[in-house]
Amino acid sequence: MIDDQFSPADDNSTEEEKLEKYSGEVDWGYLKPHYEAGAMIYVDPELDLKSAGMAFAKDDQAQVKAWLKSGDLVQPCNLHAEHWQKEKTQFKAMIVRPFVLAQPVQK
């Protein structure tokens, strides 16, 4: 479970340490409020979650836009949410304020 009691922005760790600290395995119930707030980003399983997190943390807009264009990053829709709820999907998630990046755990 991700400990999001404290904001990563207030943390004096390196970017890599923050990504590691604010990462973990969660269920859909944890992600649902972030999805509803428009703050969840789906990360394709073929893309390394840590690489995606680092691009967000370093504000690498060109890389993020390229991944959005290619479909490697997606803002989920209601169909995604319904499927994840029904399937009780588990995710690897990472907080990179203001977003939560989420990638389904491969079974």
PDB file of N, CA and C in Angstrom:
ATOM      1  N   MET A   1       0.849  -1.186   0.000  1.00  0.00           N
ATOM      2  CA  MET A   1       0.000   0.000   0.000  1.00  0.00           C
ATOM      3  C   MET A   1       0.888   1.241   0.000  1.00  0.00           C
ATOM      4  N   ILE A   2       0.470   2.227  -0.733  1.00  0.00           N
ATOM      5  CA  ILE A   2       1.213   3.479  -0.815  1.00  0.00           C
ATOM      6  C   ILE A   2       0.873   4.335   0.392  1.00  0.00           C
ATOM      7  N   ASP A   3       1.899   4.892   1.015  1.00  0.00           N
ATOM      8  CA  ASP A   3       1.688   5.811   2.123  1.00  0.00           C
ATOM      9  C   ASP A   3       1.643   7.220   1.563  1.00  0.00           C
ATOM     10  N   ASP A   4       0.428   7.762   1.425  1.00  0.00           N
ATOM     11  CA  ASP A   4       0.313   9.108   0.859  1.00  0.00           C
ATOM     12  C   ASP A   4      -0.133  10.120   1.909  1.00  0.00           C
ATOM     13  N   GLN A   5       0.213   9.857   3.173  1.00  0.00           N
ATOM     14  CA  GLN A   5      -0.107  10.786   4.251  1.00  0.00           C
ATOM     15  C   GLN A   5       0.641  12.107   4.070  1.00  0.00           C
ATOM     16  N   PHE A   6       1.860  12.014   3.552  1.00  0.00           N
ATOM     17  CA  PHE A   6       2.679  13.199   3.349  1.00  0.00           C
ATOM     18  C   PHE A   6       2.883  13.388   1.864  1.00  0.00           C
ATOM     19  N   SER A   7       2.912  14.616   1.444  1.00  0.00           N
ATOM     20  CA  SER A   7       3.067  14.931   0.034  1.00  0.00           C
ATOM     21  C   SER A   7       4.499  14.693  -0.416  1.00  0.00           C
ATOM     22  N   PRO A   8       4.688  14.015  -1.583  1.00  0.00           N
ATOM     23  CA  PRO A   8       6.039  13.858  -2.110  1.00  0.00           C
ATOM     24  C   PRO A   8       6.724  15.207  -2.340  1.00  0.00           C
ATOM     25  N   ALA A   9       5.956  16.257  -2.548  1.00  0.00           N
ATOM     26  CA  ALA A   9       6.531  17.586  -2.776  1.00  0.00           C
ATOM     27  C   ALA A   9       7.257  18.096  -1.529  1.00  0.00           C
ATOM     28  N   ASP A  10       6.846  17.647  -0.352  1.00  0.00           N
ATOM     29  CA  ASP A  10       7.460  18.080   0.903  1.00  0.00           C
ATOM     30  C   ASP A  10       8.624  17.191   1.326  1.00  0.00           C
ATOM     31  N   ASP A  11       8.949  16.229   0.511  1.00  0.00           N
ATOM     32  CA  ASP A  11       9.979  15.241   0.813  1.00  0.00           C
ATOM     33  C   ASP A  11      11.316  15.722   0.238  1.00  0.00           C
ATOM     34  N   ASN A  12      12.382  15.660   1.025  1.00  0.00           N
ATOM     35  CA  ASN A  12      13.698  16.121   0.569  1.00  0.00           C
ATOM     36  C   ASN A  12      14.525  15.020  -0.082  1.00  0.00           C
ATOM     37  N   SER A  13      13.933  13.857  -0.332  1.00  0.00           N
ATOM     38  CA  SER A  13      14.639  12.749  -0.973  1.00  0.00           C
ATOM     39  C   SER A  13      14.910  13.076  -2.443  1.00  0.00           C
ATOM     40  N   THR A  14      15.782  12.281  -3.087  1.00  0.00           N
ATOM     41  CA  THR A  14      16.005  12.425  -4.527  1.00  0.00           C
ATOM     42  C   THR A  14      14.740  11.985  -5.258  1.00  0.00           C
ATOM     43  N   GLU A  15      14.653  12.347  -6.534  1.00  0.00           N
ATOM     44  CA  GLU A  15      13.471  11.954  -7.325  1.00  0.00           C
ATOM     45  C   GLU A  15      13.300  10.434  -7.325  1.00  0.00           C
ATOM     46  N   GLU A  16      14.383   9.702  -7.515  1.00  0.00           N
ATOM     47  CA  GLU A  16      14.298   8.242  -7.541  1.00  0.00           C
ATOM     48  C   GLU A  16      13.842   7.689  -6.194  1.00  0.00           C
ATOM     49  N   GLU A  17      14.339   8.250  -5.100  1.00  0.00           N
ATOM     50  CA  GLU A  17      13.930   7.801  -3.766  1.00  0.00           C
ATOM     51  C   GLU A  17      12.445   8.085  -3.537  1.00  0.00           C
ATOM     52  N   LYS A  18      11.982   9.253  -3.978  1.00  0.00           N
ATOM     53  CA  LYS A  18      10.559   9.588  -3.844  1.00  0.00           C
ATOM     54  C   LYS A  18       9.699   8.615  -4.626  1.00  0.00           C
ATOM     55  N   LEU A  19      10.114   8.316  -5.868  1.00  0.00           N
ATOM     56  CA  LEU A  19       9.327   7.392  -6.687  1.00  0.00           C
ATOM     57  C   LEU A  19       9.227   6.033  -6.007  1.00  0.00           C
ATOM     58  N   GLU A  20      10.333   5.592  -5.433  1.00  0.00           N
ATOM     59  CA  GLU A  20      10.343   4.298  -4.744  1.00  0.00           C
ATOM     60  C   GLU A  20       9.464   4.342  -3.497  1.00  0.00           C
ATOM     61  N   LYS A  21       9.580   5.419  -2.730  1.00  0.00           N
ATOM     62  CA  LYS A  21       8.835   5.569  -1.481  1.00  0.00           C
ATOM     63  C   LYS A  21       7.328   5.668  -1.716  1.00  0.00           C
ATOM     64  N   TYR A  22       6.934   6.348  -2.784  1.00  0.00           N
ATOM     65  CA  TYR A  22       5.519   6.572  -3.052  1.00  0.00           C
ATOM     66  C   TYR A  22       4.998   5.644  -4.131  1.00  0.00           C
ATOM     67  N   SER A  23       5.471   4.397  -4.095  1.00  0.00           N
ATOM     68  CA  SER A  23       5.050   3.349  -5.021  1.00  0.00           C
ATOM     69  C   SER A  23       4.573   2.144  -4.228  1.00  0.00           C
ATOM     70  N   GLY A  24       3.711   1.374  -4.842  1.00  0.00           N
ATOM     71  CA  GLY A  24       3.269   0.158  -4.188  1.00  0.00           C
ATOM     72  C   GLY A  24       2.167  -0.519  -4.955  1.00  0.00           C
ATOM     73  N   GLU A  25       1.738  -1.644  -4.441  1.00  0.00           N
ATOM     74  CA  GLU A  25       0.657  -2.394  -5.063  1.00  0.00           C
ATOM     75  C   GLU A  25      -0.651  -2.030  -4.360  1.00  0.00           C
ATOM     76  N   VAL A  26      -1.652  -1.705  -5.162  1.00  0.00           N
ATOM     77  CA  VAL A  26      -2.937  -1.265  -4.625  1.00  0.00           C
ATOM     78  C   VAL A  26      -4.072  -1.912  -5.418  1.00  0.00           C
ATOM     79  N   ASP A  27      -5.267  -1.846  -4.851  1.00  0.00           N
ATOM     80  CA  ASP A  27      -6.431  -2.353  -5.576  1.00  0.00           C
ATOM     81  C   ASP A  27      -7.202  -1.172  -6.173  1.00  0.00           C
ATOM     82  N   TRP A  28      -8.234  -1.502  -6.923  1.00  0.00           N
ATOM     83  CA  TRP A  28      -9.024  -0.470  -7.589  1.00  0.00           C
ATOM     84  C   TRP A  28      -9.652   0.494  -6.588  1.00  0.00           C
ATOM     85  N   GLY A  29     -10.026   0.022  -5.415  1.00  0.00           N
ATOM     86  CA  GLY A  29     -10.638   0.877  -4.401  1.00  0.00           C
ATOM     87  C   GLY A  29      -9.747   2.055  -4.021  1.00  0.00           C
ATOM     88  N   TYR A  30      -8.432   1.830  -3.991  1.00  0.00           N
ATOM     89  CA  TYR A  30      -7.491   2.908  -3.685  1.00  0.00           C
ATOM     90  C   TYR A  30      -7.440   3.919  -4.836  1.00  0.00           C
ATOM     91  N   LEU A  31      -7.462   3.418  -6.071  1.00  0.00           N
ATOM     92  CA  LEU A  31      -7.314   4.287  -7.247  1.00  0.00           C
ATOM     93  C   LEU A  31      -8.591   5.015  -7.643  1.00  0.00           C
ATOM     94  N   LYS A  32      -9.732   4.459  -7.296  1.00  0.00           N
ATOM     95  CA  LYS A  32     -11.004   5.023  -7.759  1.00  0.00           C
ATOM     96  C   LYS A  32     -11.165   6.517  -7.457  1.00  0.00           C
ATOM     97  N   PRO A  33     -10.875   6.998  -6.238  1.00  0.00           N
ATOM     98  CA  PRO A  33     -11.014   8.440  -5.989  1.00  0.00           C
ATOM     99  C   PRO A  33     -10.084   9.287  -6.864  1.00  0.00           C
ATOM    100  N   HIS A  34      -8.901   8.760  -7.168  1.00  0.00           N
ATOM    101  CA  HIS A  34      -7.961   9.484  -8.034  1.00  0.00           C
ATOM    102  C   HIS A  34      -8.495   9.517  -9.469  1.00  0.00           C
ATOM    103  N   TYR A  35      -9.073   8.398  -9.902  1.00  0.00           N
ATOM    104  CA  TYR A  35      -9.707   8.344 -11.227  1.00  0.00           C
ATOM    105  C   TYR A  35     -10.837   9.373 -11.300  1.00  0.00           C
ATOM    106  N   GLU A  36     -11.703   9.369 -10.275  1.00  0.00           N
ATOM    107  CA  GLU A  36     -12.853  10.284 -10.266  1.00  0.00           C
ATOM    108  C   GLU A  36     -12.417  11.753 -10.252  1.00  0.00           C
ATOM    109  N   ALA A  37     -11.253  12.030  -9.694  1.00  0.00           N
ATOM    110  CA  ALA A  37     -10.729  13.397  -9.653  1.00  0.00           C
ATOM    111  C   ALA A  37      -9.981  13.765 -10.941  1.00  0.00           C
ATOM    112  N   GLY A  38      -9.864  12.806 -11.861  1.00  0.00           N
ATOM    113  CA  GLY A  38      -9.146  13.058 -13.105  1.00  0.00           C
ATOM    114  C   GLY A  38      -7.636  13.052 -12.947  1.00  0.00           C
ATOM    115  N   ALA A  39      -7.147  12.439 -11.873  1.00  0.00           N
ATOM    116  CA  ALA A  39      -5.719  12.464 -11.570  1.00  0.00           C
ATOM    117  C   ALA A  39      -5.015  11.130 -11.814  1.00  0.00           C
ATOM    118  N   MET A  40      -5.735  10.142 -12.336  1.00  0.00           N
ATOM    119  CA  MET A  40      -5.133   8.831 -12.583  1.00  0.00           C
ATOM    120  C   MET A  40      -4.667   8.742 -14.030  1.00  0.00           C
ATOM    121  N   ILE A  41      -3.465   8.229 -14.210  1.00  0.00           N
ATOM    122  CA  ILE A  41      -2.914   7.969 -15.535  1.00  0.00           C
ATOM    123  C   ILE A  41      -2.610   6.477 -15.624  1.00  0.00           C
ATOM    124  N   TYR A  42      -3.190   5.830 -16.635  1.00  0.00           N
ATOM    125  CA  TYR A  42      -2.942   4.410 -16.883  1.00  0.00           C
ATOM    126  C   TYR A  42      -1.635   4.277 -17.659  1.00  0.00           C
ATOM    127  N   VAL A  43      -0.752   3.414 -17.183  1.00  0.00           N
ATOM    128  CA  VAL A  43       0.536   3.166 -17.827  1.00  0.00           C
ATOM    129  C   VAL A  43       0.496   1.771 -18.448  1.00  0.00           C
ATOM    130  N   ASP A  44       0.684   1.708 -19.756  1.00  0.00           N
ATOM    131  CA  ASP A  44       0.674   0.425 -20.459  1.00  0.00           C
ATOM    132  C   ASP A  44       1.693  -0.525 -19.827  1.00  0.00           C
ATOM    133  N   PRO A  45       1.345  -1.815 -19.706  1.00  0.00           N
ATOM    134  CA  PRO A  45       2.261  -2.781 -19.096  1.00  0.00           C
ATOM    135  C   PRO A  45       3.612  -2.904 -19.811  1.00  0.00           C
ATOM    136  N   GLU A  46       3.675  -2.523 -21.084  1.00  0.00           N
ATOM    137  CA  GLU A  46       4.932  -2.593 -21.823  1.00  0.00           C
ATOM    138  C   GLU A  46       5.884  -1.453 -21.453  1.00  0.00           C
ATOM    139  N   LEU A  47       5.365  -0.420 -20.818  1.00  0.00           N
ATOM    140  CA  LEU A  47       6.179   0.735 -20.426  1.00  0.00           C
ATOM    141  C   LEU A  47       6.618   0.561 -18.972  1.00  0.00           C
ATOM    142  N   ASP A  48       7.861   0.853 -18.692  1.00  0.00           N
ATOM    143  CA  ASP A  48       8.385   0.754 -17.336  1.00  0.00           C
ATOM    144  C   ASP A  48       7.754   1.854 -16.476  1.00  0.00           C
ATOM    145  N   LEU A  49       7.088   1.457 -15.410  1.00  0.00           N
ATOM    146  CA  LEU A  49       6.395   2.405 -14.535  1.00  0.00           C
ATOM    147  C   LEU A  49       7.348   3.443 -13.955  1.00  0.00           C
ATOM    148  N   LYS A  50       8.525   3.013 -13.544  1.00  0.00           N
ATOM    149  CA  LYS A  50       9.493   3.937 -12.961  1.00  0.00           C
ATOM    150  C   LYS A  50       9.964   4.969 -13.995  1.00  0.00           C
ATOM    151  N   SER A  51      10.143   4.535 -15.245  1.00  0.00           N
ATOM    152  CA  SER A  51      10.536   5.470 -16.309  1.00  0.00           C
ATOM    153  C   SER A  51       9.452   6.513 -16.536  1.00  0.00           C
ATOM    154  N   ALA A  52       8.206   6.054 -16.524  1.00  0.00           N
ATOM    155  CA  ALA A  52       7.090   6.991 -16.684  1.00  0.00           C
ATOM    156  C   ALA A  52       7.052   7.966 -15.517  1.00  0.00           C
ATOM    157  N   GLY A  53       7.217   7.452 -14.315  1.00  0.00           N
ATOM    158  CA  GLY A  53       7.220   8.307 -13.132  1.00  0.00           C
ATOM    159  C   GLY A  53       8.335   9.339 -13.176  1.00  0.00           C
ATOM    160  N   MET A  54       9.505   8.918 -13.628  1.00  0.00           N
ATOM    161  CA  MET A  54      10.643   9.834 -13.712  1.00  0.00           C
ATOM    162  C   MET A  54      10.364  10.936 -14.739  1.00  0.00           C
ATOM    163  N   ALA A  55       9.728  10.591 -15.856  1.00  0.00           N
ATOM    164  CA  ALA A  55       9.399  11.602 -16.865  1.00  0.00           C
ATOM    165  C   ALA A  55       8.440  12.645 -16.289  1.00  0.00           C
ATOM    166  N   PHE A  56       7.464  12.195 -15.505  1.00  0.00           N
ATOM    167  CA  PHE A  56       6.537  13.137 -14.861  1.00  0.00           C
ATOM    168  C   PHE A  56       7.279  13.981 -13.821  1.00  0.00           C
ATOM    169  N   ALA A  57       8.110  13.326 -13.006  1.00  0.00           N
ATOM    170  CA  ALA A  57       8.823  14.030 -11.937  1.00  0.00           C
ATOM    171  C   ALA A  57       9.768  15.092 -12.495  1.00  0.00           C
ATOM    172  N   LYS A  58      10.370  14.815 -13.638  1.00  0.00           N
ATOM    173  CA  LYS A  58      11.309  15.761 -14.254  1.00  0.00           C
ATOM    174  C   LYS A  58      10.614  16.706 -15.235  1.00  0.00           C
ATOM    175  N   ASP A  59       9.274  16.601 -15.298  1.00  0.00           N
ATOM    176  CA  ASP A  59       8.475  17.454 -16.185  1.00  0.00           C
ATOM    177  C   ASP A  59       8.966  17.357 -17.633  1.00  0.00           C
ATOM    178  N   ASP A  60       9.243  16.123 -18.066  1.00  0.00           N
ATOM    179  CA  ASP A  60       9.676  15.865 -19.440  1.00  0.00           C
ATOM    180  C   ASP A  60       8.440  15.837 -20.334  1.00  0.00           C
ATOM    181  N   GLN A  61       7.954  17.023 -20.669  1.00  0.00           N
ATOM    182  CA  GLN A  61       6.705  17.155 -21.415  1.00  0.00           C
ATOM    183  C   GLN A  61       6.762  16.480 -22.780  1.00  0.00           C
ATOM    184  N   ALA A  62       7.893  16.555 -23.465  1.00  0.00           N
ATOM    185  CA  ALA A  62       8.007  15.940 -24.788  1.00  0.00           C
ATOM    186  C   ALA A  62       7.802  14.423 -24.698  1.00  0.00           C
ATOM    187  N   GLN A  63       8.441  13.784 -23.704  1.00  0.00           N
ATOM    188  CA  GLN A  63       8.305  12.334 -23.551  1.00  0.00           C
ATOM    189  C   GLN A  63       6.885  11.950 -23.149  1.00  0.00           C
ATOM    190  N   VAL A  64       6.320  12.684 -22.184  1.00  0.00           N
ATOM    191  CA  VAL A  64       4.958  12.387 -21.738  1.00  0.00           C
ATOM    192  C   VAL A  64       3.980  12.535 -22.899  1.00  0.00           C
ATOM    193  N   LYS A  65       4.107  13.609 -23.672  1.00  0.00           N
ATOM    194  CA  LYS A  65       3.222  13.809 -24.831  1.00  0.00           C
ATOM    195  C   LYS A  65       3.386  12.685 -25.849  1.00  0.00           C
ATOM    196  N   ALA A  66       4.611  12.240 -26.067  1.00  0.00           N
ATOM    197  CA  ALA A  66       4.853  11.136 -27.009  1.00  0.00           C
ATOM    198  C   ALA A  66       4.160   9.862 -26.532  1.00  0.00           C
ATOM    199  N   TRP A  67       4.258   9.573 -25.233  1.00  0.00           N
ATOM    200  CA  TRP A  67       3.592   8.384 -24.691  1.00  0.00           C
ATOM    201  C   TRP A  67       2.074   8.517 -24.750  1.00  0.00           C
ATOM    202  N   LEU A  68       1.559   9.713 -24.504  1.00  0.00           N
ATOM    203  CA  LEU A  68       0.110   9.927 -24.612  1.00  0.00           C
ATOM    204  C   LEU A  68      -0.346   9.711 -26.052  1.00  0.00           C
ATOM    205  N   LYS A  69       0.424  10.230 -27.000  1.00  0.00           N
ATOM    206  CA  LYS A  69       0.081  10.102 -28.418  1.00  0.00           C
ATOM    207  C   LYS A  69       0.113   8.641 -28.865  1.00  0.00           C
ATOM    208  N   SER A  70       1.097   7.881 -28.374  1.00  0.00           N
ATOM    209  CA  SER A  70       1.242   6.477 -28.772  1.00  0.00           C
ATOM    210  C   SER A  70       0.266   5.553 -28.040  1.00  0.00           C
ATOM    211  N   GLY A  71      -0.355   6.061 -26.974  1.00  0.00           N
ATOM    212  CA  GLY A  71      -1.268   5.233 -26.193  1.00  0.00           C
ATOM    213  C   GLY A  71      -0.596   4.486 -25.053  1.00  0.00           C
ATOM    214  N   ASP A  72       0.696   4.741 -24.838  1.00  0.00           N
ATOM    215  CA  ASP A  72       1.386   4.098 -23.711  1.00  0.00           C
ATOM    216  C   ASP A  72       0.934   4.684 -22.372  1.00  0.00           C
ATOM    217  N   LEU A  73       0.454   5.927 -22.404  1.00  0.00           N
ATOM    218  CA  LEU A  73      -0.184   6.566 -21.242  1.00  0.00           C
ATOM    219  C   LEU A  73      -1.595   6.943 -21.676  1.00  0.00           C
ATOM    220  N   VAL A  74      -2.566   6.692 -20.794  1.00  0.00           N
ATOM    221  CA  VAL A  74      -3.971   6.956 -21.124  1.00  0.00           C
ATOM    222  C   VAL A  74      -4.677   7.508 -19.895  1.00  0.00           C
ATOM    223  N   GLN A  75      -5.526   8.507 -20.134  1.00  0.00           N
ATOM    224  CA  GLN A  75      -6.449   8.931 -19.062  1.00  0.00           C
ATOM    225  C   GLN A  75      -7.629   7.976 -19.175  1.00  0.00           C
ATOM    226  N   PRO A  76      -7.857   7.145 -18.180  1.00  0.00           N
ATOM    227  CA  PRO A  76      -8.901   6.128 -18.272  1.00  0.00           C
ATOM    228  C   PRO A  76     -10.303   6.737 -18.381  1.00  0.00           C
ATOM    229  N   CYS A  77     -11.207   5.931 -18.928  1.00  0.00           N
ATOM    230  CA  CYS A  77     -12.604   6.337 -19.059  1.00  0.00           C
ATOM    231  C   CYS A  77     -13.481   5.410 -18.207  1.00  0.00           C
ATOM    232  N   ASN A  78     -14.773   5.641 -18.240  1.00  0.00           N
ATOM    233  CA  ASN A  78     -15.710   4.848 -17.434  1.00  0.00           C
ATOM    234  C   ASN A  78     -15.652   3.354 -17.770  1.00  0.00           C
ATOM    235  N   LEU A  79     -15.435   3.011 -19.034  1.00  0.00           N
ATOM    236  CA  LEU A  79     -15.344   1.593 -19.406  1.00  0.00           C
ATOM    237  C   LEU A  79     -14.167   0.917 -18.706  1.00  0.00           C
ATOM    238  N   HIS A  80     -13.043   1.613 -18.641  1.00  0.00           N
ATOM    239  CA  HIS A  80     -11.900   1.075 -17.905  1.00  0.00           C
ATOM    240  C   HIS A  80     -12.275   0.857 -16.441  1.00  0.00           C
ATOM    241  N   ALA A  81     -12.839   1.888 -15.831  1.00  0.00           N
ATOM    242  CA  ALA A  81     -13.186   1.837 -14.401  1.00  0.00           C
ATOM    243  C   ALA A  81     -14.142   0.683 -14.107  1.00  0.00           C
ATOM    244  N   GLU A  82     -15.152   0.516 -14.953  1.00  0.00           N
ATOM    245  CA  GLU A  82     -16.118  -0.572 -14.747  1.00  0.00           C
ATOM    246  C   GLU A  82     -15.436  -1.930 -14.844  1.00  0.00           C
ATOM    247  N   HIS A  83     -14.546  -2.082 -15.820  1.00  0.00           N
ATOM    248  CA  HIS A  83     -13.826  -3.343 -15.997  1.00  0.00           C
ATOM    249  C   HIS A  83     -12.945  -3.639 -14.778  1.00  0.00           C
ATOM    250  N   TRP A  84     -12.197  -2.639 -14.327  1.00  0.00           N
ATOM    251  CA  TRP A  84     -11.294  -2.850 -13.193  1.00  0.00           C
ATOM    252  C   TRP A  84     -12.072  -3.168 -11.928  1.00  0.00           C
ATOM    253  N   GLN A  85     -13.230  -2.517 -11.752  1.00  0.00           N
ATOM    254  CA  GLN A  85     -14.079  -2.791 -10.584  1.00  0.00           C
ATOM    255  C   GLN A  85     -14.562  -4.239 -10.628  1.00  0.00           C
ATOM    256  N   LYS A  86     -15.070  -4.639 -11.793  1.00  0.00           N
ATOM    257  CA  LYS A  86     -15.626  -5.985 -11.965  1.00  0.00           C
ATOM    258  C   LYS A  86     -14.558  -7.066 -11.782  1.00  0.00           C
ATOM    259  N   GLU A  87     -13.372  -6.820 -12.345  1.00  0.00           N
ATOM    260  CA  GLU A  87     -12.300  -7.817 -12.310  1.00  0.00           C
ATOM    261  C   GLU A  87     -11.459  -7.772 -11.041  1.00  0.00           C
ATOM    262  N   LYS A  88     -11.730  -6.773 -10.172  1.00  0.00           N
ATOM    263  CA  LYS A  88     -10.940  -6.604  -8.947  1.00  0.00           C
ATOM    264  C   LYS A  88      -9.439  -6.531  -9.271  1.00  0.00           C
ATOM    265  N   THR A  89      -9.124  -5.700 -10.253  1.00  0.00           N
ATOM    266  CA  THR A  89      -7.765  -5.561 -10.757  1.00  0.00           C
ATOM    267  C   THR A  89      -6.827  -4.988  -9.686  1.00  0.00           C
ATOM    268  N   GLN A  90      -5.658  -5.579  -9.592  1.00  0.00           N
ATOM    269  CA  GLN A  90      -4.582  -5.075  -8.737  1.00  0.00           C
ATOM    270  C   GLN A  90      -3.637  -4.257  -9.617  1.00  0.00           C
ATOM    271  N   PHE A  91      -3.068  -3.213  -9.041  1.00  0.00           N
ATOM    272  CA  PHE A  91      -2.196  -2.316  -9.785  1.00  0.00           C
ATOM    273  C   PHE A  91      -0.895  -2.066  -9.043  1.00  0.00           C
ATOM    274  N   LYS A  92       0.137  -1.791  -9.825  1.00  0.00           N
ATOM    275  CA  LYS A  92       1.332  -1.146  -9.298  1.00  0.00           C
ATOM    276  C   LYS A  92       1.045   0.340  -9.498  1.00  0.00           C
ATOM    277  N   ALA A  93       1.211   1.128  -8.475  1.00  0.00           N
ATOM    278  CA  ALA A  93       0.887   2.551  -8.570  1.00  0.00           C
ATOM    279  C   ALA A  93       2.027   3.383  -8.024  1.00  0.00           C
ATOM    280  N   MET A  94       2.077   4.621  -8.510  1.00  0.00           N
ATOM    281  CA  MET A  94       3.129   5.537  -8.118  1.00  0.00           C
ATOM    282  C   MET A  94       2.541   6.940  -8.060  1.00  0.00           C
ATOM    283  N   ILE A  95       2.762   7.616  -6.938  1.00  0.00           N
ATOM    284  CA  ILE A  95       2.284   8.990  -6.799  1.00  0.00           C
ATOM    285  C   ILE A  95       3.351   9.928  -7.325  1.00  0.00           C
ATOM    286  N   VAL A  96       2.978  10.731  -8.313  1.00  0.00           N
ATOM    287  CA  VAL A  96       3.822  11.804  -8.840  1.00  0.00           C
ATOM    288  C   VAL A  96       2.881  12.997  -8.937  1.00  0.00           C
ATOM    289  N   ARG A  97       2.784  13.749  -7.829  1.00  0.00           N
ATOM    290  CA  ARG A  97       1.807  14.826  -7.735  1.00  0.00           C
ATOM    291  C   ARG A  97       1.796  15.699  -8.968  1.00  0.00           C
ATOM    292  N   PRO A  98       0.628  16.024  -9.505  1.00  0.00           N
ATOM    293  CA  PRO A  98      -0.700  15.775  -8.946  1.00  0.00           C
ATOM    294  C   PRO A  98      -1.322  14.462  -9.413  1.00  0.00           C
ATOM    295  N   PHE A  99      -0.521  13.592 -10.033  1.00  0.00           N
ATOM    296  CA  PHE A  99      -1.062  12.371 -10.622  1.00  0.00           C
ATOM    297  C   PHE A  99      -0.743  11.129  -9.811  1.00  0.00           C
ATOM    298  N   VAL A 100      -1.521  10.083 -10.090  1.00  0.00           N
ATOM    299  CA  VAL A 100      -1.202   8.743  -9.636  1.00  0.00           C
ATOM    300  C   VAL A 100      -1.093   7.905 -10.908  1.00  0.00           C
ATOM    301  N   LEU A 101       0.094   7.384 -11.153  1.00  0.00           N
ATOM    302  CA  LEU A 101       0.310   6.516 -12.303  1.00  0.00           C
ATOM    303  C   LEU A 101      -0.018   5.095 -11.878  1.00  0.00           C
ATOM    304  N   ALA A 102      -0.721   4.361 -12.736  1.00  0.00           N
ATOM    305  CA  ALA A 102      -1.144   3.019 -12.350  1.00  0.00           C
ATOM    306  C   ALA A 102      -0.985   2.059 -13.525  1.00  0.00           C
ATOM    307  N   GLN A 103      -0.509   0.868 -13.197  1.00  0.00           N
ATOM    308  CA  GLN A 103      -0.256  -0.161 -14.184  1.00  0.00           C
ATOM    309  C   GLN A 103      -0.781  -1.481 -13.619  1.00  0.00           C
ATOM    310  N   PRO A 104      -1.580  -2.208 -14.396  1.00  0.00           N
ATOM    311  CA  PRO A 104      -2.112  -3.458 -13.851  1.00  0.00           C
ATOM    312  C   PRO A 104      -0.995  -4.456 -13.557  1.00  0.00           C
ATOM    313  N   VAL A 105      -1.170  -5.196 -12.483  1.00  0.00           N
ATOM    314  CA  VAL A 105      -0.219  -6.242 -12.125  1.00  0.00           C
ATOM    315  C   VAL A 105      -0.454  -7.410 -13.081  1.00  0.00           C
ATOM    316  N   GLN A 106       0.620  -7.860 -13.707  1.00  0.00           N
ATOM    317  CA  GLN A 106       0.516  -8.990 -14.637  1.00  0.00           C
ATOM    318  C   GLN A 106       0.328 -10.277 -13.854  1.00  0.00           C
ATOM    319  N   LYS A 107      -0.678 -11.028 -14.247  1.00  0.00           N
ATOM    320  CA  LYS A 107      -0.968 -12.296 -13.554  1.00  0.00           C
ATOM    321  C   LYS A 107      -0.200 -13.436 -14.144  1.00  0.00           C
TER     322      LYS A 107
END
